[in-house]
Amino acid sequence: MTSEESEIRLPQSKTELFVAFTQMALQGVGGVLVIVQHELVNRRKWLTQAQFVEEWSVAQVMPGPNVVNLCLILGGKYFGVAGALAAVSGLILAPMLLVLTLAILFGGVSDSAVAQGALKGMGAVSGGLIMATGLKLSKTLPQSPLGLWLAIVFAVITFTAVGIFRVPLIGVLLGLGLLACLLTYRALGRAAQRDEGDAK
């Protein structure tokens, strides 16, 4: 067990899950992933950085919004179906009420130059937040069963395919995703065989 794993503390109740995800959602202006990663790993210590990357990877390949999927995974892991409902409700309920209120208020000023400029500025900040989180998550690449360089190759190919050549995400997931899973499975199998050989 690493020192990071020894510091893990699990949520104590479904209420704590609900409140925690409500707080995260209300802070997550322009991209809740940044906040969720900071809260779950650094502040609340419910997950290690490596565990967060693993859970986030699963959430990304599931249909639906990534952060909602992560809530379902974590809530279900800690408290079953009730925990999943508590986490997702916390993530969605307060922001939904806030957005509905803002939509009503914004309707009267949406054509003004100030309002349009504010929206464009928030878009730039959102992009920066997502890039910063990507860099934080990349620190776990050396621990990947694929090895650092092969993980980087997959990341570059994925970025090029989706960002530059506009390959549909489902195609990239089915192609590169399945190949990465196969290579990881083989790497883990070889590592297990080596461990068995060392034990003998």
N, C-alpha and C. Protein backbone atom coordinates (compact mmCIF):
# COMPACT_ATOMS: atom_id res chain seq x y z
N MET A 1 0.85 -1.20 0.00
CA MET A 1 0.00 0.00 0.00
C MET A 1 0.88 1.24 0.00
N THR A 2 0.61 2.18 -0.92
CA THR A 2 1.38 3.41 -0.99
C THR A 2 0.92 4.38 0.08
N SER A 3 1.74 5.42 0.32
CA SER A 3 1.36 6.43 1.33
C SER A 3 0.09 7.15 0.92
N GLU A 4 -0.09 7.33 -0.40
CA GLU A 4 -1.30 7.99 -0.90
C GLU A 4 -2.54 7.14 -0.60
N GLU A 5 -2.42 5.82 -0.79
CA GLU A 5 -3.55 4.93 -0.53
C GLU A 5 -3.88 4.86 0.95
N SER A 6 -2.86 4.99 1.81
CA SER A 6 -3.10 4.92 3.25
C SER A 6 -3.87 6.13 3.77
N GLU A 7 -3.87 7.23 3.00
CA GLU A 7 -4.58 8.45 3.42
C GLU A 7 -6.04 8.47 2.96
N ILE A 8 -6.45 7.46 2.20
CA ILE A 8 -7.82 7.43 1.66
C ILE A 8 -8.84 7.36 2.80
N ARG A 9 -9.86 8.23 2.72
CA ARG A 9 -10.99 8.15 3.65
C ARG A 9 -12.27 8.11 2.82
N LEU A 10 -13.12 7.16 3.11
CA LEU A 10 -14.33 6.98 2.32
C LEU A 10 -15.46 7.86 2.85
N PRO A 11 -16.42 8.25 1.99
CA PRO A 11 -17.58 9.01 2.47
C PRO A 11 -18.35 8.20 3.50
N GLN A 12 -18.85 8.88 4.51
CA GLN A 12 -19.49 8.19 5.64
C GLN A 12 -20.99 7.99 5.48
N SER A 13 -21.61 8.72 4.56
CA SER A 13 -23.06 8.60 4.39
C SER A 13 -23.48 9.07 3.01
N LYS A 14 -24.71 8.74 2.65
CA LYS A 14 -25.26 9.20 1.37
C LYS A 14 -25.46 10.72 1.41
N THR A 15 -25.75 11.25 2.59
CA THR A 15 -25.89 12.70 2.72
C THR A 15 -24.57 13.40 2.41
N GLU A 16 -23.47 12.83 2.89
CA GLU A 16 -22.16 13.40 2.61
C GLU A 16 -21.88 13.38 1.10
N LEU A 17 -22.27 12.29 0.44
CA LEU A 17 -22.12 12.21 -1.02
C LEU A 17 -22.92 13.31 -1.71
N PHE A 18 -24.18 13.46 -1.30
CA PHE A 18 -25.06 14.45 -1.92
C PHE A 18 -24.49 15.86 -1.75
N VAL A 19 -24.12 16.19 -0.52
CA VAL A 19 -23.60 17.54 -0.23
C VAL A 19 -22.29 17.78 -0.98
N ALA A 20 -21.41 16.78 -1.00
CA ALA A 20 -20.12 16.94 -1.66
C ALA A 20 -20.29 17.21 -3.15
N PHE A 21 -21.15 16.43 -3.81
CA PHE A 21 -21.32 16.62 -5.25
C PHE A 21 -22.10 17.89 -5.57
N THR A 22 -22.97 18.33 -4.66
CA THR A 22 -23.64 19.62 -4.84
C THR A 22 -22.61 20.75 -4.80
N GLN A 23 -21.71 20.70 -3.81
CA GLN A 23 -20.66 21.72 -3.71
C GLN A 23 -19.77 21.72 -4.95
N MET A 24 -19.42 20.53 -5.43
CA MET A 24 -18.57 20.44 -6.62
C MET A 24 -19.27 21.05 -7.83
N ALA A 25 -20.55 20.72 -7.99
CA ALA A 25 -21.30 21.21 -9.15
C ALA A 25 -21.42 22.73 -9.13
N LEU A 26 -21.63 23.31 -7.96
CA LEU A 26 -21.79 24.76 -7.86
C LEU A 26 -20.47 25.49 -8.07
N GLN A 27 -19.35 24.81 -7.85
CA GLN A 27 -18.04 25.42 -8.10
C GLN A 27 -17.60 25.25 -9.55
N GLY A 28 -18.20 24.29 -10.25
CA GLY A 28 -17.68 23.88 -11.56
C GLY A 28 -18.13 24.74 -12.71
N VAL A 29 -17.91 26.05 -12.64
CA VAL A 29 -18.28 26.94 -13.73
C VAL A 29 -17.28 26.73 -14.88
N GLY A 30 -17.80 26.33 -16.03
CA GLY A 30 -16.93 26.15 -17.20
C GLY A 30 -16.30 24.78 -17.30
N GLY A 31 -16.56 23.91 -16.39
CA GLY A 31 -15.99 22.57 -16.46
C GLY A 31 -15.84 21.96 -15.09
N VAL A 32 -16.74 21.05 -14.75
CA VAL A 32 -16.77 20.50 -13.40
C VAL A 32 -15.66 19.47 -13.18
N LEU A 33 -15.07 18.94 -14.25
CA LEU A 33 -14.01 17.93 -14.10
C LEU A 33 -12.86 18.44 -13.25
N VAL A 34 -12.46 19.67 -13.48
CA VAL A 34 -11.34 20.25 -12.72
C VAL A 34 -11.64 20.22 -11.23
N ILE A 35 -12.84 20.64 -10.88
CA ILE A 35 -13.25 20.69 -9.48
C ILE A 35 -13.39 19.29 -8.90
N VAL A 36 -14.02 18.39 -9.66
CA VAL A 36 -14.22 17.02 -9.17
C VAL A 36 -12.89 16.35 -8.88
N GLN A 37 -11.93 16.50 -9.78
CA GLN A 37 -10.61 15.91 -9.57
C GLN A 37 -9.94 16.47 -8.32
N HIS A 38 -10.01 17.79 -8.14
CA HIS A 38 -9.39 18.41 -6.96
C HIS A 38 -10.09 17.96 -5.68
N GLU A 39 -11.42 17.96 -5.70
CA GLU A 39 -12.17 17.61 -4.49
C GLU A 39 -12.00 16.14 -4.11
N LEU A 40 -12.11 15.24 -5.08
CA LEU A 40 -12.06 13.80 -4.78
C LEU A 40 -10.66 13.33 -4.41
N VAL A 41 -9.64 13.90 -5.05
CA VAL A 41 -8.26 13.43 -4.84
C VAL A 41 -7.54 14.25 -3.77
N ASN A 42 -7.54 15.57 -3.93
CA ASN A 42 -6.72 16.42 -3.06
C ASN A 42 -7.40 16.80 -1.75
N ARG A 43 -8.67 17.18 -1.83
CA ARG A 43 -9.33 17.72 -0.64
C ARG A 43 -9.99 16.64 0.21
N ARG A 44 -10.87 15.86 -0.40
CA ARG A 44 -11.61 14.86 0.38
C ARG A 44 -10.87 13.54 0.51
N LYS A 45 -9.95 13.29 -0.42
CA LYS A 45 -9.12 12.06 -0.40
C LYS A 45 -9.97 10.79 -0.45
N TRP A 46 -11.00 10.82 -1.29
CA TRP A 46 -11.81 9.62 -1.49
C TRP A 46 -11.12 8.67 -2.46
N LEU A 47 -10.25 9.21 -3.33
CA LEU A 47 -9.54 8.43 -4.33
C LEU A 47 -8.10 8.90 -4.43
N THR A 48 -7.20 8.00 -4.83
CA THR A 48 -5.85 8.42 -5.19
C THR A 48 -5.91 8.97 -6.62
N GLN A 49 -4.84 9.62 -7.05
CA GLN A 49 -4.79 10.14 -8.42
C GLN A 49 -4.94 9.00 -9.44
N ALA A 50 -4.25 7.89 -9.18
CA ALA A 50 -4.33 6.74 -10.10
C ALA A 50 -5.74 6.16 -10.14
N GLN A 51 -6.39 6.06 -8.99
CA GLN A 51 -7.77 5.55 -8.94
C GLN A 51 -8.72 6.48 -9.69
N PHE A 52 -8.50 7.79 -9.53
CA PHE A 52 -9.34 8.76 -10.23
C PHE A 52 -9.22 8.58 -11.74
N VAL A 53 -7.99 8.42 -12.22
CA VAL A 53 -7.78 8.25 -13.66
C VAL A 53 -8.48 6.98 -14.15
N GLU A 54 -8.40 5.90 -13.37
CA GLU A 54 -9.06 4.64 -13.75
C GLU A 54 -10.58 4.82 -13.83
N GLU A 55 -11.15 5.43 -12.77
CA GLU A 55 -12.61 5.62 -12.75
C GLU A 55 -13.05 6.58 -13.85
N TRP A 56 -12.26 7.62 -14.09
CA TRP A 56 -12.59 8.60 -15.13
C TRP A 56 -12.54 7.95 -16.51
N SER A 57 -11.58 7.04 -16.71
CA SER A 57 -11.48 6.33 -17.99
C SER A 57 -12.74 5.51 -18.25
N VAL A 58 -13.22 4.82 -17.22
CA VAL A 58 -14.45 4.04 -17.37
C VAL A 58 -15.63 4.97 -17.65
N ALA A 59 -15.70 6.09 -16.92
CA ALA A 59 -16.81 7.04 -17.10
C ALA A 59 -16.84 7.59 -18.52
N GLN A 60 -15.66 7.77 -19.13
CA GLN A 60 -15.61 8.34 -20.48
C GLN A 60 -16.14 7.39 -21.55
N VAL A 61 -15.95 6.10 -21.37
CA VAL A 61 -16.40 5.17 -22.41
C VAL A 61 -17.86 4.75 -22.22
N MET A 62 -18.46 5.12 -21.09
CA MET A 62 -19.89 4.84 -20.89
C MET A 62 -20.72 5.89 -21.62
N PRO A 63 -21.90 5.52 -22.12
CA PRO A 63 -22.76 6.54 -22.74
C PRO A 63 -23.27 7.53 -21.70
N GLY A 64 -23.41 8.79 -22.12
CA GLY A 64 -23.90 9.82 -21.21
C GLY A 64 -22.79 10.76 -20.78
N PRO A 65 -23.15 11.82 -20.05
CA PRO A 65 -22.15 12.80 -19.60
C PRO A 65 -21.11 12.16 -18.68
N ASN A 66 -19.84 12.46 -18.92
CA ASN A 66 -18.74 11.82 -18.19
C ASN A 66 -18.83 11.99 -16.68
N VAL A 67 -19.10 13.23 -16.25
CA VAL A 67 -19.10 13.50 -14.81
C VAL A 67 -20.29 12.82 -14.13
N VAL A 68 -21.42 12.77 -14.82
CA VAL A 68 -22.57 12.05 -14.27
C VAL A 68 -22.25 10.56 -14.15
N ASN A 69 -21.58 10.02 -15.16
CA ASN A 69 -21.16 8.62 -15.10
C ASN A 69 -20.24 8.37 -13.91
N LEU A 70 -19.31 9.31 -13.68
CA LEU A 70 -18.40 9.17 -12.54
C LEU A 70 -19.17 9.18 -11.22
N CYS A 71 -20.17 10.04 -11.12
CA CYS A 71 -21.02 10.07 -9.92
C CYS A 71 -21.71 8.72 -9.71
N LEU A 72 -22.25 8.17 -10.79
CA LEU A 72 -22.92 6.87 -10.69
C LEU A 72 -21.96 5.78 -10.23
N ILE A 73 -20.74 5.80 -10.79
CA ILE A 73 -19.74 4.79 -10.43
C ILE A 73 -19.38 4.89 -8.95
N LEU A 74 -19.05 6.12 -8.51
CA LEU A 74 -18.60 6.30 -7.12
C LEU A 74 -19.74 6.10 -6.13
N GLY A 75 -20.91 6.67 -6.42
CA GLY A 75 -22.04 6.49 -5.52
C GLY A 75 -22.41 5.02 -5.38
N GLY A 76 -22.43 4.30 -6.51
CA GLY A 76 -22.73 2.87 -6.47
C GLY A 76 -21.67 2.07 -5.75
N LYS A 77 -20.44 2.47 -5.91
CA LYS A 77 -19.32 1.76 -5.26
C LYS A 77 -19.41 1.88 -3.75
N TYR A 78 -19.79 3.05 -3.25
CA TYR A 78 -19.81 3.28 -1.80
C TYR A 78 -21.12 2.86 -1.14
N PHE A 79 -22.28 3.13 -1.80
CA PHE A 79 -23.58 2.90 -1.14
C PHE A 79 -24.62 2.26 -2.06
N GLY A 80 -24.19 1.60 -3.13
CA GLY A 80 -25.13 0.93 -4.01
C GLY A 80 -26.00 1.90 -4.80
N VAL A 81 -27.20 1.46 -5.16
CA VAL A 81 -28.10 2.26 -5.99
C VAL A 81 -28.47 3.57 -5.30
N ALA A 82 -28.73 3.52 -4.00
CA ALA A 82 -29.08 4.73 -3.25
C ALA A 82 -27.93 5.73 -3.28
N GLY A 83 -26.70 5.25 -3.18
CA GLY A 83 -25.54 6.13 -3.26
C GLY A 83 -25.39 6.76 -4.63
N ALA A 84 -25.64 5.97 -5.68
CA ALA A 84 -25.57 6.50 -7.04
C ALA A 84 -26.60 7.61 -7.24
N LEU A 85 -27.82 7.39 -6.74
CA LEU A 85 -28.87 8.41 -6.85
C LEU A 85 -28.52 9.66 -6.05
N ALA A 86 -27.95 9.48 -4.86
CA ALA A 86 -27.57 10.63 -4.03
C ALA A 86 -26.49 11.46 -4.72
N ALA A 87 -25.49 10.79 -5.29
CA ALA A 87 -24.39 11.50 -5.94
C ALA A 87 -24.87 12.26 -7.17
N VAL A 88 -25.67 11.60 -8.01
CA VAL A 88 -26.16 12.25 -9.23
C VAL A 88 -27.12 13.38 -8.90
N SER A 89 -27.98 13.18 -7.90
CA SER A 89 -28.89 14.25 -7.48
C SER A 89 -28.11 15.46 -6.99
N GLY A 90 -27.06 15.21 -6.23
CA GLY A 90 -26.23 16.30 -5.75
C GLY A 90 -25.58 17.07 -6.88
N LEU A 91 -25.15 16.34 -7.90
CA LEU A 91 -24.48 16.98 -9.04
C LEU A 91 -25.44 17.79 -9.90
N ILE A 92 -26.69 17.35 -10.00
CA ILE A 92 -27.61 17.94 -10.98
C ILE A 92 -28.61 18.93 -10.39
N LEU A 93 -29.13 18.66 -9.19
CA LEU A 93 -30.29 19.39 -8.68
C LEU A 93 -30.05 20.90 -8.53
N ALA A 94 -29.06 21.30 -7.72
CA ALA A 94 -28.82 22.73 -7.49
C ALA A 94 -28.41 23.46 -8.77
N PRO A 95 -27.48 22.92 -9.58
CA PRO A 95 -27.14 23.62 -10.83
C PRO A 95 -28.33 23.77 -11.78
N MET A 96 -29.22 22.76 -11.81
CA MET A 96 -30.38 22.85 -12.69
C MET A 96 -31.27 24.02 -12.28
N LEU A 97 -31.51 24.16 -10.98
CA LEU A 97 -32.32 25.28 -10.50
C LEU A 97 -31.64 26.61 -10.79
N LEU A 98 -30.32 26.65 -10.61
CA LEU A 98 -29.55 27.87 -10.86
C LEU A 98 -29.59 28.25 -12.34
N VAL A 99 -29.39 27.26 -13.21
CA VAL A 99 -29.39 27.51 -14.65
C VAL A 99 -30.76 27.98 -15.13
N LEU A 100 -31.83 27.38 -14.62
CA LEU A 100 -33.17 27.82 -15.00
C LEU A 100 -33.40 29.28 -14.59
N THR A 101 -32.95 29.63 -13.40
CA THR A 101 -33.09 31.02 -12.93
C THR A 101 -32.29 31.97 -13.80
N LEU A 102 -31.02 31.60 -14.09
CA LEU A 102 -30.17 32.45 -14.93
C LEU A 102 -30.71 32.58 -16.34
N ALA A 103 -31.29 31.50 -16.87
CA ALA A 103 -31.85 31.55 -18.23
C ALA A 103 -32.99 32.56 -18.30
N ILE A 104 -33.81 32.58 -17.26
CA ILE A 104 -34.91 33.55 -17.22
C ILE A 104 -34.36 34.97 -17.17
N LEU A 105 -33.35 35.19 -16.32
CA LEU A 105 -32.76 36.53 -16.18
C LEU A 105 -31.98 36.93 -17.43
N PHE A 106 -31.25 35.97 -18.03
CA PHE A 106 -30.39 36.26 -19.17
C PHE A 106 -31.20 36.56 -20.43
N GLY A 107 -32.42 36.02 -20.49
CA GLY A 107 -33.25 36.22 -21.68
C GLY A 107 -33.44 37.68 -22.03
N GLY A 108 -33.47 38.55 -21.02
CA GLY A 108 -33.69 39.97 -21.27
C GLY A 108 -32.48 40.72 -21.75
N VAL A 109 -31.28 40.18 -21.57
CA VAL A 109 -30.06 40.91 -21.94
C VAL A 109 -29.17 40.11 -22.90
N SER A 110 -29.68 39.02 -23.45
CA SER A 110 -28.84 38.11 -24.24
C SER A 110 -28.28 38.75 -25.51
N ASP A 111 -28.93 39.80 -26.03
CA ASP A 111 -28.46 40.43 -27.27
C ASP A 111 -27.41 41.50 -27.04
N SER A 112 -27.14 41.86 -25.79
CA SER A 112 -26.19 42.94 -25.52
C SER A 112 -24.75 42.47 -25.76
N ALA A 113 -23.89 43.41 -26.15
CA ALA A 113 -22.48 43.10 -26.43
C ALA A 113 -21.77 42.63 -25.17
N VAL A 114 -22.14 43.19 -24.03
CA VAL A 114 -21.50 42.80 -22.76
C VAL A 114 -21.78 41.34 -22.45
N ALA A 115 -23.03 40.91 -22.62
CA ALA A 115 -23.40 39.52 -22.34
C ALA A 115 -22.68 38.57 -23.29
N GLN A 116 -22.62 38.93 -24.58
CA GLN A 116 -21.93 38.07 -25.55
C GLN A 116 -20.43 37.98 -25.26
N GLY A 117 -19.84 39.11 -24.86
CA GLY A 117 -18.41 39.11 -24.51
C GLY A 117 -18.13 38.26 -23.29
N ALA A 118 -19.03 38.31 -22.31
CA ALA A 118 -18.86 37.49 -21.10
C ALA A 118 -18.88 36.01 -21.43
N LEU A 119 -19.79 35.61 -22.32
CA LEU A 119 -19.88 34.20 -22.71
C LEU A 119 -18.62 33.74 -23.42
N LYS A 120 -18.07 34.58 -24.31
CA LYS A 120 -16.84 34.21 -25.02
C LYS A 120 -15.67 34.10 -24.05
N GLY A 121 -15.61 35.00 -23.08
CA GLY A 121 -14.54 34.94 -22.08
C GLY A 121 -14.61 33.68 -21.24
N MET A 122 -15.82 33.28 -20.87
CA MET A 122 -15.98 32.05 -20.09
C MET A 122 -15.57 30.82 -20.90
N GLY A 123 -15.79 30.85 -22.21
CA GLY A 123 -15.38 29.74 -23.06
C GLY A 123 -13.88 29.56 -23.07
N ALA A 124 -13.14 30.68 -23.11
CA ALA A 124 -11.67 30.60 -23.09
C ALA A 124 -11.17 30.03 -21.77
N VAL A 125 -11.78 30.47 -20.67
CA VAL A 125 -11.39 29.96 -19.35
C VAL A 125 -11.67 28.47 -19.25
N SER A 126 -12.80 28.03 -19.79
CA SER A 126 -13.15 26.60 -19.75
C SER A 126 -12.09 25.76 -20.46
N GLY A 127 -11.65 26.23 -21.62
CA GLY A 127 -10.60 25.51 -22.35
C GLY A 127 -9.32 25.40 -21.54
N GLY A 128 -8.95 26.49 -20.88
CA GLY A 128 -7.75 26.46 -20.04
C GLY A 128 -7.87 25.51 -18.87
N LEU A 129 -9.04 25.47 -18.24
CA LEU A 129 -9.27 24.56 -17.12
C LEU A 129 -9.16 23.10 -17.55
N ILE A 130 -9.72 22.78 -18.71
CA ILE A 130 -9.67 21.40 -19.21
C ILE A 130 -8.23 21.01 -19.52
N MET A 131 -7.46 21.92 -20.14
CA MET A 131 -6.05 21.62 -20.44
C MET A 131 -5.25 21.40 -19.16
N ALA A 132 -5.51 22.23 -18.15
CA ALA A 132 -4.78 22.09 -16.87
C ALA A 132 -5.08 20.75 -16.22
N THR A 133 -6.34 20.33 -16.27
CA THR A 133 -6.69 19.03 -15.69
C THR A 133 -6.05 17.89 -16.46
N GLY A 134 -6.01 18.01 -17.79
CA GLY A 134 -5.35 17.00 -18.60
C GLY A 134 -3.89 16.84 -18.22
N LEU A 135 -3.21 17.95 -17.98
CA LEU A 135 -1.80 17.89 -17.57
C LEU A 135 -1.65 17.23 -16.20
N LYS A 136 -2.58 17.53 -15.28
CA LYS A 136 -2.52 16.89 -13.96
C LYS A 136 -2.71 15.38 -14.07
N LEU A 137 -3.69 14.96 -14.86
CA LEU A 137 -3.97 13.54 -15.01
C LEU A 137 -2.84 12.81 -15.71
N SER A 138 -2.08 13.52 -16.54
CA SER A 138 -1.00 12.87 -17.29
C SER A 138 0.14 12.41 -16.37
N LYS A 139 0.17 12.89 -15.14
CA LYS A 139 1.22 12.48 -14.20
C LYS A 139 1.15 10.99 -13.88
N THR A 140 -0.01 10.38 -14.11
CA THR A 140 -0.14 8.95 -13.82
C THR A 140 0.29 8.07 -14.99
N LEU A 141 0.64 8.66 -16.13
CA LEU A 141 1.02 7.86 -17.30
C LEU A 141 2.20 6.92 -17.05
N PRO A 142 3.23 7.33 -16.29
CA PRO A 142 4.34 6.39 -16.05
C PRO A 142 3.91 5.10 -15.35
N GLN A 143 2.78 5.12 -14.64
CA GLN A 143 2.31 3.92 -13.94
C GLN A 143 1.44 3.04 -14.83
N SER A 144 1.18 3.46 -16.07
CA SER A 144 0.33 2.69 -16.97
C SER A 144 0.97 1.35 -17.33
N PRO A 145 0.19 0.26 -17.36
CA PRO A 145 0.75 -1.03 -17.77
C PRO A 145 1.33 -1.00 -19.19
N LEU A 146 0.85 -0.05 -20.02
CA LEU A 146 1.37 0.08 -21.38
C LEU A 146 2.77 0.67 -21.41
N GLY A 147 3.15 1.34 -20.33
CA GLY A 147 4.42 2.06 -20.33
C GLY A 147 4.20 3.49 -20.79
N LEU A 148 5.09 4.37 -20.38
CA LEU A 148 4.94 5.80 -20.63
C LEU A 148 4.85 6.12 -22.12
N TRP A 149 5.80 5.60 -22.90
CA TRP A 149 5.88 6.01 -24.30
C TRP A 149 4.70 5.50 -25.12
N LEU A 150 4.27 4.28 -24.89
CA LEU A 150 3.12 3.77 -25.64
C LEU A 150 1.84 4.51 -25.25
N ALA A 151 1.71 4.88 -23.97
CA ALA A 151 0.56 5.67 -23.53
C ALA A 151 0.55 7.03 -24.22
N ILE A 152 1.74 7.64 -24.35
CA ILE A 152 1.84 8.94 -25.04
C ILE A 152 1.47 8.79 -26.51
N VAL A 153 1.94 7.70 -27.15
CA VAL A 153 1.61 7.45 -28.56
C VAL A 153 0.09 7.35 -28.74
N PHE A 154 -0.58 6.60 -27.86
CA PHE A 154 -2.03 6.48 -27.95
C PHE A 154 -2.71 7.84 -27.75
N ALA A 155 -2.20 8.64 -26.82
CA ALA A 155 -2.78 9.96 -26.56
C ALA A 155 -2.63 10.87 -27.79
N VAL A 156 -1.46 10.86 -28.41
CA VAL A 156 -1.21 11.71 -29.58
C VAL A 156 -2.08 11.26 -30.76
N ILE A 157 -2.16 9.95 -30.99
CA ILE A 157 -2.99 9.45 -32.10
C ILE A 157 -4.46 9.81 -31.87
N THR A 158 -4.92 9.67 -30.63
CA THR A 158 -6.31 10.01 -30.31
C THR A 158 -6.58 11.48 -30.56
N PHE A 159 -5.68 12.35 -30.07
CA PHE A 159 -5.85 13.80 -30.26
C PHE A 159 -5.86 14.14 -31.75
N THR A 160 -4.94 13.54 -32.50
CA THR A 160 -4.85 13.82 -33.94
C THR A 160 -6.11 13.36 -34.67
N ALA A 161 -6.57 12.15 -34.33
CA ALA A 161 -7.75 11.60 -35.01
C ALA A 161 -9.00 12.43 -34.73
N VAL A 162 -9.21 12.76 -33.45
CA VAL A 162 -10.45 13.48 -33.07
C VAL A 162 -10.33 14.97 -33.32
N GLY A 163 -9.21 15.57 -32.88
CA GLY A 163 -9.07 17.02 -32.94
C GLY A 163 -8.74 17.58 -34.30
N ILE A 164 -7.97 16.84 -35.11
CA ILE A 164 -7.53 17.37 -36.40
C ILE A 164 -8.32 16.77 -37.56
N PHE A 165 -8.41 15.43 -37.58
CA PHE A 165 -9.08 14.77 -38.70
C PHE A 165 -10.58 14.55 -38.47
N ARG A 166 -11.08 14.94 -37.31
CA ARG A 166 -12.52 14.87 -37.00
C ARG A 166 -13.10 13.46 -37.14
N VAL A 167 -12.31 12.47 -36.78
CA VAL A 167 -12.81 11.09 -36.78
C VAL A 167 -13.86 10.99 -35.66
N PRO A 168 -15.01 10.39 -35.92
CA PRO A 168 -16.03 10.26 -34.86
C PRO A 168 -15.47 9.54 -33.64
N LEU A 169 -15.84 10.04 -32.47
CA LEU A 169 -15.31 9.50 -31.22
C LEU A 169 -15.60 8.02 -31.06
N ILE A 170 -16.77 7.57 -31.50
CA ILE A 170 -17.11 6.15 -31.36
C ILE A 170 -16.14 5.28 -32.15
N GLY A 171 -15.71 5.77 -33.32
CA GLY A 171 -14.74 5.03 -34.12
C GLY A 171 -13.39 4.93 -33.44
N VAL A 172 -12.97 6.04 -32.82
CA VAL A 172 -11.69 6.04 -32.11
C VAL A 172 -11.75 5.10 -30.91
N LEU A 173 -12.87 5.13 -30.18
CA LEU A 173 -13.03 4.24 -29.03
C LEU A 173 -13.00 2.77 -29.43
N LEU A 174 -13.71 2.45 -30.51
CA LEU A 174 -13.77 1.06 -30.95
C LEU A 174 -12.44 0.59 -31.52
N GLY A 175 -11.72 1.49 -32.19
CA GLY A 175 -10.44 1.12 -32.78
C GLY A 175 -9.29 1.17 -31.78
N LEU A 176 -8.91 2.39 -31.42
CA LEU A 176 -7.78 2.57 -30.50
C LEU A 176 -8.09 2.05 -29.10
N GLY A 177 -9.34 2.25 -28.67
CA GLY A 177 -9.71 1.80 -27.32
C GLY A 177 -9.58 0.30 -27.15
N LEU A 178 -10.10 -0.45 -28.13
CA LEU A 178 -9.99 -1.91 -28.06
C LEU A 178 -8.54 -2.37 -28.17
N LEU A 179 -7.76 -1.71 -29.03
CA LEU A 179 -6.35 -2.07 -29.17
C LEU A 179 -5.60 -1.81 -27.86
N ALA A 180 -5.87 -0.65 -27.23
CA ALA A 180 -5.22 -0.33 -25.95
C ALA A 180 -5.63 -1.33 -24.87
N CYS A 181 -6.90 -1.72 -24.86
CA CYS A 181 -7.36 -2.73 -23.88
C CYS A 181 -6.64 -4.06 -24.08
N LEU A 182 -6.50 -4.47 -25.34
CA LEU A 182 -5.83 -5.74 -25.64
C LEU A 182 -4.37 -5.70 -25.20
N LEU A 183 -3.68 -4.61 -25.54
CA LEU A 183 -2.27 -4.49 -25.16
C LEU A 183 -2.10 -4.42 -23.64
N THR A 184 -3.01 -3.72 -22.96
CA THR A 184 -2.95 -3.64 -21.50
C THR A 184 -3.19 -5.01 -20.87
N TYR A 185 -4.16 -5.74 -21.41
CA TYR A 185 -4.46 -7.09 -20.91
C TYR A 185 -3.23 -7.99 -21.04
N ARG A 186 -2.56 -7.92 -22.19
CA ARG A 186 -1.35 -8.73 -22.40
C ARG A 186 -0.24 -8.30 -21.45
N ALA A 187 -0.08 -6.98 -21.26
CA ALA A 187 0.97 -6.49 -20.36
C ALA A 187 0.72 -6.93 -18.93
N LEU A 188 -0.53 -6.86 -18.49
CA LEU A 188 -0.86 -7.30 -17.13
C LEU A 188 -0.66 -8.80 -16.96
N GLY A 189 -0.98 -9.56 -18.02
CA GLY A 189 -0.76 -11.01 -17.97
C GLY A 189 0.71 -11.36 -17.85
N ARG A 190 1.55 -10.66 -18.62
CA ARG A 190 3.00 -10.90 -18.53
C ARG A 190 3.53 -10.52 -17.16
N ALA A 191 3.01 -9.41 -16.60
CA ALA A 191 3.45 -8.98 -15.27
C ALA A 191 3.06 -10.02 -14.22
N ALA A 192 1.85 -10.59 -14.35
CA ALA A 192 1.41 -11.61 -13.39
C ALA A 192 2.28 -12.86 -13.49
N GLN A 193 2.65 -13.24 -14.72
CA GLN A 193 3.52 -14.41 -14.90
C GLN A 193 4.90 -14.18 -14.28
N ARG A 194 5.41 -12.95 -14.45
CA ARG A 194 6.71 -12.62 -13.84
C ARG A 194 6.63 -12.70 -12.33
N ASP A 195 5.52 -12.19 -11.76
CA ASP A 195 5.35 -12.23 -10.31
C ASP A 195 5.29 -13.67 -9.80
N GLU A 196 4.59 -14.53 -10.56
CA GLU A 196 4.50 -15.94 -10.17
C GLU A 196 5.87 -16.61 -10.23
N GLY A 197 6.65 -16.26 -11.28
CA GLY A 197 7.99 -16.81 -11.40
C GLY A 197 8.89 -16.37 -10.27
N ASP A 198 8.77 -15.08 -9.88
CA ASP A 198 9.58 -14.57 -8.76
C ASP A 198 9.19 -15.24 -7.45
N ALA A 199 7.87 -15.53 -7.30
CA ALA A 199 7.40 -16.16 -6.06
C ALA A 199 7.94 -17.57 -5.92
N LYS A 200 8.14 -18.25 -7.06
CA LYS A 200 8.69 -19.61 -7.01
C LYS A 200 10.18 -19.59 -6.72
